[in-house]
Amino acid sequence: MNNKYPNKTVDIIKLVRERELRKDLLFSLYDEIQKEKQDSIKKEAERLQKMDNYLVLKEIKEKINGDTDEQDKIADVINNMDDKKVVEILYYLSDEEKNLILSKISLIDKDKMYILKSYLLEKEMKYEEFKDLAKIYAGKNSYDAFKILGNTERYSISDLAKIYINLPLEKAADILKYSRDKEFVDELFYNIRREELLTGSKENITVKLSQIIDYIKEYEEKLNDLVLVYEKMDPRDVANIIEKLIINDKELTALKIDSINYYTVSDSKLAIDILRRLKKTTVSEILKNLNDRKATEITRKLALQ
């Protein structure tokens, strides 16, 4: 049969071979395109891996808010990044953005998605821990708190920033007023600002903190001048002044920032602050010149503060 239609047989074989070659070529092209795509994704992942977290966060947010193709691409890129780096970014996304990325990653690599969720939970728990620590230090004597929060012996500078962010501003300032280490404060403020950038906070608490610290220091300088005067006075005269001051809780002065009062000083607070700085023997003499009820009340206030 082959002898009868030699040309036709050759043509058929040739056609089959051409089709096979074309098929091989298509597969080869497809593999090459896929390889180029993967190389591009890995290259992009490496680029983001080396970038500052805030810049990566901004870029990822832009991609997430783009079209579906952009979202799919960034999910592929994130899938090729280090898990810990990814979590440091995902944590600061909104819940909606976070869920979108995680759902797309689950389509690529479900195990990766579960790992990221686990790390995210750890980070969320850690942040709650910082909030709890802030509550503890807010209740401590400011100088005692400073011994721990005024250096990096117990907490890293990044962790300290998260604790300070969760402290009431007045308390944070009252703790930091003790610091004489400008480099430490500058680095702390830098980390606080970074955390605010990542969370999207517009409060800019470092500016407020600086103002409150300066205000407290100025107040305490004037307070020390008063203490020097009262140390030289007759305890009976000082007792009369203290007795009048202690009953008045109305605002004497306050630092106003954006129409909000910070570090309000009343006559009563002034009296207690003066007594706390006087020598113990002087305070004892002053209390002797007050009636028992008033002396007990002042002693209690001194103990509380």
Protein backbone atom coordinates (compact mmCIF):
# COMPACT_ATOMS: atom_id res chain seq x y z
CA MET A 1 0.00 0.00 0.00
CA ASN A 2 2.93 2.29 0.80
CA ASN A 3 4.44 1.47 -2.55
CA LYS A 4 1.21 2.30 -4.29
CA TYR A 5 0.85 5.79 -2.70
CA PRO A 6 4.42 6.70 -1.68
CA ASN A 7 3.99 10.48 -1.99
CA LYS A 8 0.76 10.54 0.01
CA THR A 9 2.32 8.53 2.83
CA VAL A 10 5.31 10.84 2.98
CA ASP A 11 3.02 13.85 3.09
CA ILE A 12 1.01 12.38 5.97
CA ILE A 13 4.17 11.57 7.95
CA LYS A 14 5.51 15.04 7.27
CA LEU A 15 2.24 16.63 8.40
CA VAL A 16 2.21 14.58 11.60
CA ARG A 17 5.80 15.56 12.33
CA GLU A 18 5.07 19.21 11.67
CA ARG A 19 2.11 19.08 14.03
CA GLU A 20 4.23 17.41 16.69
CA LEU A 21 6.96 20.00 16.22
CA ARG A 22 4.39 22.80 16.43
CA LYS A 23 2.93 21.23 19.55
CA ASP A 24 6.39 20.92 21.10
CA LEU A 25 7.08 24.52 20.16
CA LEU A 26 3.83 25.70 21.76
CA PHE A 27 4.62 23.78 24.93
CA SER A 28 8.12 25.21 24.90
CA LEU A 29 6.80 28.74 24.43
CA TYR A 30 4.26 28.22 27.19
CA ASP A 31 6.95 26.94 29.56
CA GLU A 32 9.18 29.86 28.65
CA ILE A 33 6.39 32.38 29.26
CA GLN A 34 5.57 30.74 32.61
CA LYS A 35 9.24 30.77 33.60
CA GLU A 36 9.54 34.45 32.68
CA LYS A 37 6.39 35.15 34.68
CA GLN A 38 7.73 33.30 37.73
CA ASP A 39 11.12 35.01 37.41
CA SER A 40 9.38 38.38 37.26
CA ILE A 41 7.28 37.53 40.35
CA LYS A 42 10.36 36.38 42.29
CA LYS A 43 12.25 39.51 41.27
CA GLU A 44 9.36 41.69 42.45
CA ALA A 45 9.17 39.72 45.72
CA GLU A 46 12.90 40.28 46.29
CA ARG A 47 12.48 44.01 45.61
CA LEU A 48 9.65 44.36 48.14
CA GLN A 49 11.52 42.17 50.62
CA LYS A 50 14.34 44.72 50.78
CA MET A 51 12.08 47.78 51.02
CA ASP A 52 10.97 49.66 54.12
CA ASN A 53 7.73 48.22 55.54
CA TYR A 54 5.81 51.47 55.19
CA LEU A 55 6.70 51.78 51.49
CA VAL A 56 5.74 48.15 50.90
CA LEU A 57 2.44 48.72 52.71
CA LYS A 58 1.65 51.71 50.49
CA GLU A 59 2.47 49.77 47.33
CA ILE A 60 0.42 46.72 48.34
CA LYS A 61 -2.56 48.92 49.24
CA GLU A 62 -2.44 50.50 45.78
CA LYS A 63 -2.40 47.06 44.11
CA ILE A 64 -5.24 45.78 46.29
CA ASN A 65 -7.35 48.77 45.32
CA GLY A 66 -6.60 48.16 41.64
CA ASP A 67 -8.30 45.72 39.27
CA THR A 68 -8.49 41.94 39.71
CA ASP A 69 -5.32 41.35 37.65
CA GLU A 70 -3.36 43.67 39.94
CA GLN A 71 -4.75 41.90 43.00
CA ASP A 72 -3.82 38.48 41.59
CA LYS A 73 -0.30 39.67 40.73
CA ILE A 74 0.38 41.10 44.17
CA ALA A 75 -0.97 37.92 45.78
CA ASP A 76 1.54 35.93 43.69
CA VAL A 77 4.33 38.28 44.75
CA ILE A 78 3.38 38.08 48.44
CA ASN A 79 3.30 34.29 48.15
CA ASN A 80 7.02 34.43 47.25
CA MET A 81 8.03 36.70 50.13
CA ASP A 82 9.29 35.78 53.60
CA ASP A 83 6.37 34.94 55.92
CA LYS A 84 7.52 37.21 58.76
CA LYS A 85 7.97 40.17 56.42
CA VAL A 86 4.53 39.57 54.91
CA VAL A 87 2.86 39.49 58.33
CA GLU A 88 4.53 42.79 59.28
CA ILE A 89 2.71 44.29 56.28
CA LEU A 90 -0.60 42.42 56.40
CA TYR A 91 -1.12 43.38 60.04
CA TYR A 92 -1.55 47.03 59.09
CA LEU A 93 -4.04 46.41 56.28
CA SER A 94 -7.76 46.87 56.89
CA ASP A 95 -9.72 43.68 57.62
CA GLU A 96 -11.25 43.83 54.15
CA GLU A 97 -7.84 44.20 52.43
CA LYS A 98 -6.33 41.50 54.63
CA ASN A 99 -9.10 39.00 53.88
CA LEU A 100 -8.88 39.70 50.15
CA ILE A 101 -5.15 38.95 50.03
CA LEU A 102 -5.43 35.87 52.23
CA SER A 103 -8.26 34.45 50.11
CA LYS A 104 -6.20 34.91 46.94
CA ILE A 105 -3.11 33.36 48.55
CA SER A 106 -5.22 30.37 49.62
CA LEU A 107 -5.91 29.68 45.92
CA ILE A 108 -2.16 29.61 45.25
CA ASP A 109 -0.91 27.88 48.40
CA LYS A 110 -3.38 26.99 51.15
CA ASP A 111 -0.59 26.01 53.56
CA LYS A 112 1.00 29.44 53.16
CA MET A 113 -2.33 31.08 53.95
CA TYR A 114 -2.68 29.08 57.19
CA ILE A 115 0.89 29.94 58.21
CA LEU A 116 0.27 33.65 57.62
CA LYS A 117 -2.98 33.51 59.61
CA SER A 118 -1.13 31.88 62.49
CA TYR A 119 1.61 34.54 62.49
CA LEU A 120 -1.02 37.28 62.26
CA LEU A 121 -2.76 35.92 65.33
CA GLU A 122 0.56 35.93 67.20
CA LYS A 123 1.17 39.55 66.23
CA GLU A 124 -2.34 40.60 67.25
CA MET A 125 -1.85 38.92 70.64
CA LYS A 126 1.52 40.64 71.02
CA TYR A 127 -0.05 44.03 70.32
CA GLU A 128 -2.73 43.36 72.95
CA GLU A 129 0.12 42.61 75.33
CA PHE A 130 1.57 46.08 74.66
CA LYS A 131 -1.82 47.61 75.50
CA ASP A 132 -1.91 45.67 78.78
CA LEU A 133 1.65 46.73 79.62
CA ALA A 134 0.72 50.37 78.97
CA LYS A 135 -2.14 50.05 81.47
CA ILE A 136 0.24 48.60 84.07
CA TYR A 137 2.86 51.36 83.62
CA ALA A 138 0.17 54.05 83.57
CA GLY A 139 -0.66 53.05 87.15
CA LYS A 140 2.95 53.09 88.34
CA ASN A 141 4.92 55.96 89.82
CA SER A 142 6.38 57.84 86.81
CA TYR A 143 9.99 57.56 87.97
CA ASP A 144 9.64 53.82 88.65
CA ALA A 145 8.12 53.41 85.18
CA PHE A 146 10.98 55.45 83.68
CA LYS A 147 13.55 53.04 85.13
CA ILE A 148 12.09 50.39 82.80
CA LEU A 149 10.68 52.43 79.91
CA GLY A 150 13.58 54.89 79.73
CA ASN A 151 16.04 52.43 78.17
CA THR A 152 16.18 49.31 75.99
CA GLU A 153 17.31 46.85 78.65
CA ARG A 154 13.93 45.11 78.91
CA TYR A 155 12.11 46.14 75.72
CA SER A 156 13.38 46.91 72.22
CA ILE A 157 12.96 50.48 70.97
CA SER A 158 10.24 49.27 68.59
CA ASP A 159 8.33 47.61 71.45
CA LEU A 160 8.77 50.69 73.64
CA ALA A 161 7.19 52.81 70.90
CA LYS A 162 4.11 50.59 70.94
CA ILE A 163 3.87 50.84 74.74
CA TYR A 164 4.20 54.64 74.72
CA ILE A 165 1.57 54.98 71.97
CA ASN A 166 -0.89 53.21 74.28
CA LEU A 167 -0.08 55.32 77.34
CA PRO A 168 -2.11 58.45 78.15
CA LEU A 169 -0.12 61.39 76.71
CA GLU A 170 0.33 63.09 80.08
CA LYS A 171 1.68 59.91 81.65
CA ALA A 172 4.05 59.26 78.74
CA ALA A 173 5.37 62.82 79.05
CA ASP A 174 5.65 62.54 82.84
CA ILE A 175 7.81 59.42 82.38
CA LEU A 176 9.99 60.84 79.59
CA LYS A 177 10.66 64.10 81.46
CA TYR A 178 13.27 62.15 83.46
CA SER A 179 15.31 61.23 80.39
CA ARG A 180 18.61 62.97 79.77
CA ASP A 181 19.43 60.71 76.83
CA LYS A 182 18.55 62.75 73.71
CA GLU A 183 19.60 59.93 71.39
CA PHE A 184 17.21 57.51 73.12
CA VAL A 185 14.28 59.97 72.97
CA ASP A 186 14.97 60.79 69.30
CA GLU A 187 15.05 57.10 68.39
CA LEU A 188 11.90 56.43 70.42
CA PHE A 189 10.07 59.30 68.69
CA TYR A 190 11.23 58.03 65.29
CA ASN A 191 9.76 54.60 66.05
CA ILE A 192 6.52 56.14 67.35
CA ARG A 193 6.17 58.14 64.12
CA ARG A 194 6.82 54.99 62.07
CA GLU A 195 4.11 53.13 63.97
CA GLU A 196 1.72 56.02 63.36
CA LEU A 197 2.53 55.92 59.64
CA LEU A 198 1.86 52.18 59.49
CA THR A 199 -1.42 52.45 61.40
CA GLY A 200 -2.50 55.52 59.43
CA SER A 201 -2.80 57.63 62.58
CA LYS A 202 -2.90 61.40 62.02
CA GLU A 203 -2.41 62.29 65.69
CA ASN A 204 1.36 62.87 65.53
CA ILE A 205 1.76 62.34 69.26
CA THR A 206 5.52 63.02 69.29
CA VAL A 207 4.84 66.73 68.71
CA LYS A 208 2.33 66.78 71.56
CA LEU A 209 4.65 64.76 73.80
CA SER A 210 7.48 67.25 73.23
CA GLN A 211 5.20 70.16 74.12
CA ILE A 212 3.89 68.46 77.26
CA ILE A 213 7.39 67.48 78.41
CA ASP A 214 8.61 71.07 77.98
CA TYR A 215 5.56 72.35 79.85
CA ILE A 216 6.10 69.92 82.76
CA LYS A 217 9.79 70.83 83.01
CA GLU A 218 8.97 74.55 83.04
CA TYR A 219 6.31 73.98 85.71
CA GLU A 220 8.69 71.94 87.85
CA GLU A 221 11.42 74.59 87.59
CA LYS A 222 9.00 77.18 88.98
CA LEU A 223 7.91 74.64 91.58
CA ASN A 224 11.51 74.17 92.74
CA ASP A 225 11.87 77.94 93.11
CA LEU A 226 8.76 77.98 95.33
CA VAL A 227 10.13 75.10 97.40
CA LEU A 228 13.33 77.05 98.10
CA VAL A 229 11.23 79.97 99.34
CA TYR A 230 8.96 77.78 101.51
CA GLU A 231 11.93 76.00 103.09
CA LYS A 232 13.02 79.35 104.53
CA MET A 233 9.57 80.35 105.79
CA ASP A 234 8.01 79.68 109.17
CA PRO A 235 6.16 76.29 108.99
CA ARG A 236 3.04 77.94 110.46
CA ASP A 237 2.92 80.43 107.56
CA VAL A 238 3.43 77.64 105.03
CA ALA A 239 0.67 75.62 106.73
CA ASN A 240 -1.73 78.54 106.29
CA ILE A 241 -0.88 78.77 102.56
CA ILE A 242 -1.20 75.00 102.06
CA GLU A 243 -4.54 74.94 103.89
CA LYS A 244 -5.98 77.51 101.46
CA LEU A 245 -4.53 75.86 98.36
CA ILE A 246 -5.53 72.28 99.20
CA ILE A 247 -9.29 72.98 99.14
CA ASN A 248 -9.29 74.42 95.61
CA ASP A 249 -9.42 71.90 92.76
CA LYS A 250 -10.28 74.48 90.10
CA GLU A 251 -7.91 74.84 87.15
CA LEU A 252 -5.03 77.22 87.83
CA THR A 253 -3.19 76.65 84.58
CA ALA A 254 -3.10 74.07 81.79
CA LEU A 255 -1.36 73.35 78.51
CA LYS A 256 -3.82 73.58 75.62
CA ILE A 257 -3.13 71.67 72.41
CA ASP A 258 -5.81 71.64 69.71
CA SER A 259 -8.33 73.00 72.25
CA ILE A 260 -7.67 70.06 74.59
CA ASN A 261 -6.26 70.58 78.10
CA TYR A 262 -3.13 68.62 78.93
CA TYR A 263 -1.42 68.61 82.31
CA THR A 264 -3.89 70.72 84.23
CA VAL A 265 -2.58 72.30 87.45
CA SER A 266 -4.95 73.29 90.27
CA ASP A 267 -4.16 74.96 93.60
CA SER A 268 -4.64 71.56 95.25
CA LYS A 269 -2.13 69.87 92.92
CA LEU A 270 0.32 72.74 93.42
CA ALA A 271 0.10 72.30 97.20
CA ILE A 272 0.76 68.55 97.01
CA ASP A 273 3.62 69.01 94.51
CA ILE A 274 5.26 71.56 96.83
CA LEU A 275 4.93 69.28 99.87
CA ARG A 276 6.40 66.34 97.96
CA ARG A 277 9.54 68.39 97.27
CA LEU A 278 10.00 69.85 100.73
CA LYS A 279 12.28 68.15 103.25
CA LYS A 280 10.51 65.52 105.35
CA THR A 281 11.26 67.44 108.54
CA THR A 282 9.69 70.59 107.03
CA VAL A 283 6.59 68.67 105.92
CA SER A 284 6.27 67.19 109.40
CA GLU A 285 6.37 70.67 110.96
CA ILE A 286 3.77 71.96 108.47
CA LEU A 287 1.39 69.06 109.20
CA LYS A 288 1.69 69.71 112.94
CA ASN A 289 0.25 73.16 112.33
CA LEU A 290 -2.86 71.77 110.60
CA ASN A 291 -5.90 70.19 112.26
CA ASP A 292 -5.92 66.39 112.40
CA ARG A 293 -8.53 65.97 109.65
CA LYS A 294 -6.66 68.22 107.21
CA ALA A 295 -3.29 66.67 108.07
CA THR A 296 -4.70 63.16 107.49
CA GLU A 297 -6.23 64.21 104.16
CA ILE A 298 -2.93 65.70 102.95
CA THR A 299 -0.94 62.66 104.14
CA ARG A 300 -3.30 60.41 102.16
CA LYS A 301 -2.89 62.53 99.01
CA LEU A 302 0.88 62.50 99.37
CA ALA A 303 0.82 58.71 99.67
CA LEU A 304 -1.39 58.35 96.57
CA GLN A 305 0.84 60.51 94.42
